């Protein structure tokens, strides 16, 4: 094979591998970037995952999670108060559940482990409940109490190709 073709192929391989590493690092850095957490777009990776998300419940077992994943998009035409129950375990300081209100306010709802029932104030407009992780694994169950005037849209696509793991 021509020397220049070999060099070109090697350079392309290095660029491709470098791009993969940058993407992973970007996802890991989201954990500390409030401005990025408020963005509407998700960026995440899982080594493995198993779960289900509905309008009322999210139940997931995962490993190798880094990035930002929007579990529920919330919309209200007036301020609404509801309850959210969260239980599970995940690596401390590596996983959190946040509420983003209107792209300008972040509230950390849960970190790491334990059982909590939280009174959730949802202002008029659009909000979201998101998972944020950095190279973490665990199991989390969230239950959202339905309320009149609260529209909940779950993101279900993540679990369509679930892999079972023990």
N, C-alpha and C. Protein backbone atom coordinates (compact mmCIF):
# COMPACT_ATOMS: atom_id res chain seq x y z
N UNK A 1 0.84 -1.17 0.00
CA UNK A 1 0.00 0.00 0.00
C UNK A 1 0.90 1.24 0.00
N UNK A 2 0.49 2.23 -0.68
CA UNK A 2 1.23 3.48 -0.78
C UNK A 2 1.42 4.10 0.60
N UNK A 3 2.60 4.63 0.83
CA UNK A 3 2.96 5.23 2.12
C UNK A 3 1.97 6.35 2.49
N UNK A 4 1.57 7.19 1.54
CA UNK A 4 0.68 8.31 1.82
C UNK A 4 -0.73 7.84 2.17
N UNK A 5 -1.16 6.76 1.57
CA UNK A 5 -2.48 6.21 1.90
C UNK A 5 -2.48 5.69 3.33
N UNK A 6 -1.39 5.02 3.72
CA UNK A 6 -1.28 4.53 5.11
C UNK A 6 -1.30 5.68 6.10
N UNK A 7 -0.58 6.75 5.79
CA UNK A 7 -0.56 7.91 6.69
C UNK A 7 -1.95 8.54 6.78
N UNK A 8 -2.62 8.66 5.64
CA UNK A 8 -3.96 9.22 5.63
C UNK A 8 -4.94 8.37 6.43
N UNK A 9 -4.88 7.06 6.27
CA UNK A 9 -5.76 6.17 7.04
C UNK A 9 -5.48 6.26 8.53
N UNK A 10 -4.21 6.32 8.90
CA UNK A 10 -3.84 6.44 10.31
C UNK A 10 -4.34 7.77 10.88
N UNK A 11 -4.19 8.84 10.12
CA UNK A 11 -4.67 10.16 10.57
C UNK A 11 -6.19 10.15 10.75
N UNK A 12 -6.91 9.54 9.83
CA UNK A 12 -8.37 9.47 9.93
C UNK A 12 -8.78 8.67 11.15
N UNK A 13 -8.09 7.57 11.42
CA UNK A 13 -8.38 6.75 12.59
C UNK A 13 -8.15 7.54 13.87
N UNK A 14 -7.07 8.28 13.93
CA UNK A 14 -6.77 9.08 15.12
C UNK A 14 -7.82 10.18 15.32
N UNK A 15 -8.26 10.81 14.25
CA UNK A 15 -9.31 11.82 14.36
C UNK A 15 -10.62 11.22 14.84
N UNK A 16 -10.96 10.05 14.32
CA UNK A 16 -12.20 9.39 14.72
C UNK A 16 -12.14 9.01 16.20
N UNK A 17 -11.04 8.39 16.63
CA UNK A 17 -10.91 8.02 18.04
C UNK A 17 -10.88 9.24 18.94
N UNK A 18 -10.21 10.29 18.53
CA UNK A 18 -10.19 11.53 19.30
C UNK A 18 -11.56 12.14 19.43
N UNK A 19 -12.35 12.06 18.38
CA UNK A 19 -13.72 12.58 18.41
C UNK A 19 -14.57 11.82 19.39
N UNK A 20 -14.41 10.50 19.46
CA UNK A 20 -15.18 9.70 20.42
C UNK A 20 -14.82 10.08 21.84
N UNK A 21 -13.54 10.26 22.12
CA UNK A 21 -13.10 10.63 23.46
C UNK A 21 -13.63 12.01 23.83
N UNK A 22 -13.63 12.95 22.90
CA UNK A 22 -14.14 14.29 23.19
C UNK A 22 -15.62 14.25 23.52
N UNK A 23 -16.39 13.44 22.82
CA UNK A 23 -17.83 13.32 23.06
C UNK A 23 -18.07 12.77 24.46
N UNK A 24 -17.33 11.73 24.84
CA UNK A 24 -17.48 11.15 26.17
C UNK A 24 -17.11 12.16 27.24
N UNK A 25 -16.02 12.88 27.03
CA UNK A 25 -15.59 13.88 28.01
C UNK A 25 -16.63 14.99 28.12
N UNK A 26 -17.21 15.40 27.00
CA UNK A 26 -18.25 16.43 27.02
C UNK A 26 -19.44 15.97 27.85
N UNK A 27 -19.84 14.72 27.69
CA UNK A 27 -20.97 14.18 28.45
C UNK A 27 -20.65 14.14 29.94
N UNK A 28 -19.43 13.77 30.29
CA UNK A 28 -19.04 13.73 31.70
C UNK A 28 -19.02 15.12 32.31
N UNK A 29 -18.60 16.12 31.54
CA UNK A 29 -18.50 17.49 32.05
C UNK A 29 -19.86 18.16 32.25
N UNK A 30 -20.90 17.64 31.65
CA UNK A 30 -22.24 18.20 31.83
C UNK A 30 -22.62 18.21 33.31
N UNK A 31 -22.13 17.23 34.06
CA UNK A 31 -22.46 17.09 35.47
C UNK A 31 -22.17 18.38 36.26
N UNK A 32 -21.21 19.16 35.81
CA UNK A 32 -20.81 20.38 36.52
C UNK A 32 -21.21 21.66 35.78
N UNK A 33 -21.96 21.54 34.70
CA UNK A 33 -22.25 22.69 33.83
C UNK A 33 -23.73 23.06 33.88
N UNK A 34 -24.09 23.97 34.78
CA UNK A 34 -25.49 24.37 34.95
C UNK A 34 -26.08 24.92 33.65
N UNK A 35 -25.31 25.71 32.93
CA UNK A 35 -25.82 26.28 31.67
C UNK A 35 -26.19 25.17 30.70
N UNK A 36 -25.38 24.14 30.60
CA UNK A 36 -25.66 23.02 29.70
C UNK A 36 -26.87 22.23 30.16
N UNK A 37 -27.05 22.09 31.48
CA UNK A 37 -28.20 21.36 32.01
C UNK A 37 -29.52 22.05 31.67
N UNK A 38 -29.48 23.36 31.48
CA UNK A 38 -30.70 24.11 31.16
C UNK A 38 -31.06 24.02 29.68
N UNK A 39 -30.12 23.58 28.84
CA UNK A 39 -30.41 23.43 27.41
C UNK A 39 -31.49 22.38 27.19
N UNK A 40 -32.18 22.51 26.08
CA UNK A 40 -33.26 21.55 25.78
C UNK A 40 -32.73 20.24 25.20
N UNK A 41 -31.55 20.23 24.62
CA UNK A 41 -31.02 19.02 23.99
C UNK A 41 -30.31 18.12 24.99
N UNK A 42 -30.50 16.82 24.81
CA UNK A 42 -29.85 15.83 25.65
C UNK A 42 -28.57 15.33 24.98
N UNK A 43 -27.64 14.88 25.80
CA UNK A 43 -26.43 14.22 25.32
C UNK A 43 -26.05 13.21 26.38
N UNK A 44 -26.09 11.93 26.05
CA UNK A 44 -25.87 10.91 27.06
C UNK A 44 -25.34 9.63 26.42
N UNK A 45 -24.78 8.77 27.29
CA UNK A 45 -24.41 7.42 26.87
C UNK A 45 -24.61 6.50 28.07
N UNK A 46 -24.99 5.27 27.78
CA UNK A 46 -25.14 4.22 28.78
C UNK A 46 -24.32 3.03 28.32
N UNK A 47 -23.63 2.36 29.22
CA UNK A 47 -23.01 1.09 28.88
C UNK A 47 -24.13 0.04 28.79
N UNK A 48 -25.02 0.07 29.79
CA UNK A 48 -26.17 -0.81 29.82
C UNK A 48 -27.32 -0.11 30.52
N UNK A 49 -28.54 -0.53 30.15
CA UNK A 49 -29.72 0.08 30.77
C UNK A 49 -30.90 -0.87 30.64
N UNK A 50 -31.80 -0.77 31.58
CA UNK A 50 -33.03 -1.52 31.56
C UNK A 50 -34.05 -0.67 32.29
N UNK A 51 -35.20 -0.44 31.67
CA UNK A 51 -36.18 0.37 32.37
C UNK A 51 -37.40 0.70 31.57
N UNK A 52 -38.17 1.63 32.13
CA UNK A 52 -39.42 2.05 31.52
C UNK A 52 -39.75 3.45 32.04
N UNK A 53 -40.29 4.29 31.16
CA UNK A 53 -40.73 5.62 31.55
C UNK A 53 -42.15 5.80 31.05
N UNK A 54 -43.06 6.17 31.97
CA UNK A 54 -44.44 6.51 31.62
C UNK A 54 -44.72 7.91 32.12
N UNK A 55 -45.96 8.36 31.98
CA UNK A 55 -46.33 9.69 32.46
C UNK A 55 -46.26 9.79 33.98
N UNK A 56 -46.38 8.65 34.67
CA UNK A 56 -46.43 8.66 36.13
C UNK A 56 -45.19 8.07 36.80
N UNK A 57 -44.43 7.24 36.07
CA UNK A 57 -43.32 6.54 36.72
C UNK A 57 -42.14 6.37 35.78
N UNK A 58 -40.95 6.46 36.36
CA UNK A 58 -39.71 6.13 35.66
C UNK A 58 -38.95 5.15 36.54
N UNK A 59 -38.56 4.03 35.96
CA UNK A 59 -37.89 2.98 36.69
C UNK A 59 -36.73 2.51 35.83
N UNK A 60 -35.49 2.67 36.30
CA UNK A 60 -34.34 2.33 35.49
C UNK A 60 -33.22 1.71 36.34
N UNK A 61 -32.58 0.73 35.74
CA UNK A 61 -31.35 0.15 36.26
C UNK A 61 -30.31 0.41 35.19
N UNK A 62 -29.14 0.92 35.56
CA UNK A 62 -28.20 1.36 34.55
C UNK A 62 -26.76 1.20 35.01
N UNK A 63 -25.86 1.22 34.04
CA UNK A 63 -24.43 1.30 34.31
C UNK A 63 -23.78 2.13 33.21
N UNK A 64 -22.65 2.73 33.55
CA UNK A 64 -21.90 3.51 32.58
C UNK A 64 -22.64 4.72 32.05
N UNK A 65 -23.47 5.36 32.87
CA UNK A 65 -24.23 6.53 32.42
C UNK A 65 -23.41 7.81 32.61
N UNK A 66 -23.29 8.56 31.53
CA UNK A 66 -22.70 9.90 31.57
C UNK A 66 -23.57 10.81 30.70
N UNK A 67 -23.75 12.04 31.16
CA UNK A 67 -24.47 13.01 30.35
C UNK A 67 -25.74 13.50 30.98
N UNK A 68 -26.66 13.91 30.09
CA UNK A 68 -27.91 14.55 30.48
C UNK A 68 -29.05 13.90 29.70
N UNK A 69 -30.07 13.42 30.43
CA UNK A 69 -31.23 12.78 29.80
C UNK A 69 -32.50 13.37 30.40
N UNK A 70 -33.38 13.89 29.55
CA UNK A 70 -34.66 14.43 29.99
C UNK A 70 -35.66 13.30 30.12
N UNK A 71 -36.12 13.06 31.33
CA UNK A 71 -37.08 11.99 31.61
C UNK A 71 -38.49 12.45 31.25
N UNK A 72 -38.87 13.64 31.77
CA UNK A 72 -40.22 14.16 31.56
C UNK A 72 -40.16 15.62 31.12
N UNK A 73 -40.91 15.94 30.09
CA UNK A 73 -41.19 17.33 29.72
C UNK A 73 -42.51 17.68 30.41
N UNK A 74 -42.55 18.81 31.09
CA UNK A 74 -43.73 19.22 31.83
C UNK A 74 -44.26 20.53 31.25
N UNK A 75 -45.58 20.64 31.16
CA UNK A 75 -46.18 21.89 30.70
C UNK A 75 -47.41 22.18 31.54
N UNK A 76 -47.53 23.44 31.97
CA UNK A 76 -48.70 23.88 32.72
C UNK A 76 -49.13 25.25 32.21
N UNK A 77 -50.42 25.52 32.33
CA UNK A 77 -50.94 26.84 31.95
C UNK A 77 -51.06 27.75 33.17
N UNK A 78 -50.77 27.19 34.35
CA UNK A 78 -50.72 27.98 35.59
C UNK A 78 -49.79 27.24 36.55
N UNK A 79 -49.39 27.90 37.62
CA UNK A 79 -48.51 27.27 38.60
C UNK A 79 -49.20 26.04 39.19
N UNK A 80 -48.45 24.94 39.33
CA UNK A 80 -48.98 23.67 39.84
C UNK A 80 -48.04 23.15 40.92
N UNK A 81 -48.62 22.54 41.94
CA UNK A 81 -47.84 21.86 42.97
C UNK A 81 -48.22 20.39 42.94
N UNK A 82 -47.20 19.53 42.96
CA UNK A 82 -47.43 18.09 42.96
C UNK A 82 -46.37 17.43 43.83
N UNK A 83 -46.39 16.11 43.89
CA UNK A 83 -45.39 15.37 44.65
C UNK A 83 -44.64 14.43 43.72
N UNK A 84 -43.37 14.25 44.03
CA UNK A 84 -42.56 13.28 43.32
C UNK A 84 -41.84 12.44 44.38
N UNK A 85 -41.95 11.13 44.24
CA UNK A 85 -41.25 10.20 45.12
C UNK A 85 -40.06 9.63 44.35
N UNK A 86 -38.90 9.64 44.99
CA UNK A 86 -37.68 9.15 44.36
C UNK A 86 -37.01 8.19 45.33
N UNK A 87 -36.62 7.03 44.83
CA UNK A 87 -35.87 6.08 45.65
C UNK A 87 -34.84 5.39 44.77
N UNK A 88 -33.80 4.90 45.42
CA UNK A 88 -32.79 4.18 44.68
C UNK A 88 -31.41 4.37 45.24
N UNK A 89 -30.44 3.90 44.47
CA UNK A 89 -29.04 4.06 44.80
C UNK A 89 -28.26 4.33 43.52
N UNK A 90 -27.31 5.20 43.62
CA UNK A 90 -26.39 5.50 42.54
C UNK A 90 -25.11 6.01 43.19
N UNK A 91 -24.04 6.00 42.45
CA UNK A 91 -22.77 6.47 43.01
C UNK A 91 -22.90 7.91 43.49
N UNK A 92 -22.57 8.11 44.76
CA UNK A 92 -22.63 9.45 45.37
C UNK A 92 -21.78 10.43 44.57
N UNK A 93 -22.27 11.62 44.39
CA UNK A 93 -21.59 12.69 43.65
C UNK A 93 -21.37 12.35 42.18
N UNK A 94 -22.11 11.38 41.65
CA UNK A 94 -21.98 11.01 40.23
C UNK A 94 -23.32 10.96 39.52
N UNK A 95 -24.43 11.12 40.25
CA UNK A 95 -25.76 11.05 39.67
C UNK A 95 -26.68 11.98 40.44
N UNK A 96 -27.51 12.73 39.69
CA UNK A 96 -28.50 13.58 40.33
C UNK A 96 -29.71 13.72 39.43
N UNK A 97 -30.83 14.03 40.07
CA UNK A 97 -32.07 14.30 39.36
C UNK A 97 -32.37 15.76 39.59
N UNK A 98 -32.61 16.47 38.48
CA UNK A 98 -32.83 17.91 38.57
C UNK A 98 -34.17 18.30 37.94
N UNK A 99 -34.65 19.46 38.35
CA UNK A 99 -35.81 20.09 37.74
C UNK A 99 -35.32 21.37 37.09
N UNK A 100 -35.64 21.55 35.81
CA UNK A 100 -35.27 22.77 35.10
C UNK A 100 -36.57 23.50 34.77
N UNK A 101 -36.69 24.75 35.26
CA UNK A 101 -37.89 25.55 35.03
C UNK A 101 -37.62 26.62 33.99
N UNK A 102 -38.30 26.54 32.89
CA UNK A 102 -38.23 27.58 31.87
C UNK A 102 -36.85 27.89 31.34
N UNK A 103 -35.92 26.98 31.49
CA UNK A 103 -34.58 27.21 30.97
C UNK A 103 -33.79 28.24 31.75
N UNK A 104 -34.26 28.63 32.94
CA UNK A 104 -33.53 29.65 33.68
C UNK A 104 -33.29 29.31 35.15
N UNK A 105 -33.84 28.18 35.60
CA UNK A 105 -33.74 27.84 37.01
C UNK A 105 -33.54 26.33 37.16
N UNK A 106 -32.56 25.93 37.96
CA UNK A 106 -32.29 24.51 38.21
C UNK A 106 -32.47 24.23 39.70
N UNK A 107 -33.17 23.14 40.00
CA UNK A 107 -33.30 22.66 41.38
C UNK A 107 -32.84 21.20 41.42
N UNK A 108 -31.90 20.88 42.28
CA UNK A 108 -31.49 19.50 42.46
C UNK A 108 -32.51 18.84 43.37
N UNK A 109 -33.12 17.77 42.88
CA UNK A 109 -34.16 17.07 43.64
C UNK A 109 -33.61 15.91 44.45
N UNK A 110 -32.60 15.22 43.89
CA UNK A 110 -32.13 13.99 44.51
C UNK A 110 -30.71 13.71 44.06
N UNK A 111 -29.88 13.23 45.00
CA UNK A 111 -28.51 12.85 44.67
C UNK A 111 -28.15 11.56 45.38
N UNK A 112 -27.63 10.61 44.63
CA UNK A 112 -26.98 9.45 45.22
C UNK A 112 -27.82 8.31 45.72
N UNK A 113 -28.49 8.47 46.84
CA UNK A 113 -29.25 7.34 47.36
C UNK A 113 -30.29 7.78 48.37
N UNK A 114 -31.18 6.83 48.68
CA UNK A 114 -32.20 7.09 49.68
C UNK A 114 -33.58 7.20 49.08
N UNK A 115 -34.54 7.39 49.97
CA UNK A 115 -35.94 7.56 49.58
C UNK A 115 -36.37 8.96 49.98
N UNK A 116 -37.00 9.65 49.03
CA UNK A 116 -37.48 11.00 49.31
C UNK A 116 -38.83 11.21 48.66
N UNK A 117 -39.68 11.94 49.36
CA UNK A 117 -40.92 12.43 48.77
C UNK A 117 -40.81 13.95 48.79
N UNK A 118 -40.91 14.55 47.61
CA UNK A 118 -40.65 15.97 47.45
C UNK A 118 -41.90 16.67 46.95
N UNK A 119 -42.22 17.82 47.57
CA UNK A 119 -43.27 18.67 47.04
C UNK A 119 -42.63 19.49 45.94
N UNK A 120 -43.18 19.35 44.75
CA UNK A 120 -42.60 19.94 43.55
C UNK A 120 -43.46 21.10 43.08
N UNK A 121 -42.88 22.29 43.05
CA UNK A 121 -43.57 23.48 42.52
C UNK A 121 -43.18 23.64 41.07
N UNK A 122 -44.18 23.63 40.21
CA UNK A 122 -43.95 23.75 38.77
C UNK A 122 -44.59 25.04 38.30
N UNK A 123 -43.76 26.00 37.86
CA UNK A 123 -44.32 27.28 37.43
C UNK A 123 -44.99 27.16 36.07
N UNK A 124 -45.84 28.11 35.78
CA UNK A 124 -46.52 28.16 34.48
C UNK A 124 -45.49 28.10 33.35
N UNK A 125 -45.82 27.32 32.33
CA UNK A 125 -44.92 27.22 31.18
C UNK A 125 -44.31 25.83 31.06
N UNK A 126 -43.12 25.79 30.51
CA UNK A 126 -42.43 24.52 30.26
C UNK A 126 -41.33 24.28 31.28
N UNK A 127 -41.26 23.04 31.75
CA UNK A 127 -40.23 22.60 32.70
C UNK A 127 -39.80 21.20 32.29
N UNK A 128 -38.81 20.67 33.00
CA UNK A 128 -38.35 19.30 32.71
C UNK A 128 -37.75 18.69 33.96
N UNK A 129 -37.84 17.37 34.03
CA UNK A 129 -37.14 16.57 35.04
C UNK A 129 -36.07 15.80 34.27
N UNK A 130 -34.81 15.90 34.74
CA UNK A 130 -33.68 15.32 34.01
C UNK A 130 -32.78 14.51 34.93
N UNK A 131 -32.14 13.50 34.34
CA UNK A 131 -31.07 12.76 35.00
C UNK A 131 -29.75 13.32 34.51
N UNK A 132 -28.80 13.49 35.43
CA UNK A 132 -27.46 13.94 35.08
C UNK A 132 -26.47 12.99 35.74
N UNK A 133 -25.52 12.47 34.96
CA UNK A 133 -24.58 11.52 35.51
C UNK A 133 -23.18 11.67 34.96
N UNK A 134 -22.25 11.08 35.71
CA UNK A 134 -20.84 11.06 35.30
C UNK A 134 -20.28 9.69 35.64
N UNK A 135 -20.15 8.84 34.61
CA UNK A 135 -19.60 7.48 34.78
C UNK A 135 -20.22 6.79 35.98
N UNK A 136 -21.53 6.65 35.98
CA UNK A 136 -22.20 6.14 37.17
C UNK A 136 -23.08 4.94 36.86
N UNK A 137 -23.46 4.25 37.91
CA UNK A 137 -24.37 3.11 37.77
C UNK A 137 -25.31 3.13 38.97
N UNK A 138 -26.44 2.45 38.83
CA UNK A 138 -27.38 2.38 39.93
C UNK A 138 -28.76 1.96 39.49
N UNK A 139 -29.71 2.21 40.37
CA UNK A 139 -31.12 1.92 40.11
C UNK A 139 -31.93 3.06 40.72
N UNK A 140 -32.88 3.58 39.94
CA UNK A 140 -33.69 4.71 40.41
C UNK A 140 -35.15 4.48 40.02
N UNK A 141 -36.05 4.77 40.95
CA UNK A 141 -37.49 4.73 40.69
C UNK A 141 -38.04 6.11 41.06
N UNK A 142 -38.78 6.70 40.12
CA UNK A 142 -39.42 7.99 40.35
C UNK A 142 -40.91 7.85 40.08
N UNK A 143 -41.73 8.40 40.97
CA UNK A 143 -43.17 8.39 40.77
C UNK A 143 -43.68 9.82 40.89
N UNK A 144 -44.37 10.27 39.85
CA UNK A 144 -44.89 11.63 39.79
C UNK A 144 -46.40 11.57 39.98
N UNK A 145 -46.90 12.33 40.94
CA UNK A 145 -48.33 12.37 41.20
C UNK A 145 -49.02 13.25 40.16
N UNK A 146 -49.99 12.70 39.42
CA UNK A 146 -50.66 13.50 38.40
C UNK A 146 -51.48 14.63 39.03
N UNK A 147 -51.57 15.74 38.33
CA UNK A 147 -52.36 16.88 38.78
C UNK A 147 -53.12 17.45 37.60
N UNK A 148 -54.31 17.97 37.87
CA UNK A 148 -55.07 18.64 36.82
C UNK A 148 -54.28 19.87 36.37
N UNK A 149 -54.18 20.04 35.06
CA UNK A 149 -53.46 21.17 34.50
C UNK A 149 -51.99 20.91 34.25
N UNK A 150 -51.51 19.72 34.63
CA UNK A 150 -50.11 19.35 34.42
C UNK A 150 -50.03 18.33 33.30
N UNK A 151 -49.41 18.72 32.19
CA UNK A 151 -49.19 17.80 31.07
C UNK A 151 -47.78 17.23 31.19
N UNK A 152 -47.69 15.90 31.22
CA UNK A 152 -46.41 15.21 31.36
C UNK A 152 -46.16 14.41 30.09
N UNK A 153 -45.03 14.66 29.46
CA UNK A 153 -44.66 13.92 28.26
C UNK A 153 -43.35 13.18 28.55
N UNK A 154 -43.43 11.85 28.66
CA UNK A 154 -42.22 11.09 28.92
C UNK A 154 -41.41 10.87 27.64
N UNK A 155 -40.11 10.69 27.81
CA UNK A 155 -39.26 10.28 26.69
C UNK A 155 -39.12 8.77 26.80
N UNK A 156 -39.70 8.07 25.87
CA UNK A 156 -39.71 6.61 25.93
C UNK A 156 -38.67 5.96 25.05
N UNK A 157 -38.17 6.65 24.05
CA UNK A 157 -37.27 6.06 23.07
C UNK A 157 -36.03 5.41 23.63
N UNK A 158 -35.55 5.87 24.76
CA UNK A 158 -34.33 5.35 25.35
C UNK A 158 -34.42 3.86 25.64
N UNK A 159 -35.60 3.37 25.98
CA UNK A 159 -35.74 2.00 26.44
C UNK A 159 -36.28 1.04 25.40
N UNK A 160 -36.44 1.48 24.17
CA UNK A 160 -36.96 0.61 23.12
C UNK A 160 -36.03 -0.53 22.77
N UNK A 161 -34.74 -0.33 22.97
CA UNK A 161 -33.76 -1.37 22.65
C UNK A 161 -33.02 -1.84 23.89
N UNK A 162 -33.74 -1.97 25.00
CA UNK A 162 -33.13 -2.35 26.27
C UNK A 162 -32.29 -3.62 26.17
N UNK A 163 -31.23 -3.61 26.95
CA UNK A 163 -30.41 -4.79 27.12
C UNK A 163 -30.61 -5.25 28.56
N UNK A 164 -30.90 -6.51 28.77
CA UNK A 164 -31.04 -7.01 30.12
C UNK A 164 -29.66 -7.24 30.72
N UNK A 165 -29.49 -6.90 31.96
CA UNK A 165 -28.26 -7.24 32.66
C UNK A 165 -28.55 -7.46 34.11
N UNK A 166 -27.68 -8.21 34.77
CA UNK A 166 -27.87 -8.53 36.19
C UNK A 166 -27.03 -7.64 37.05
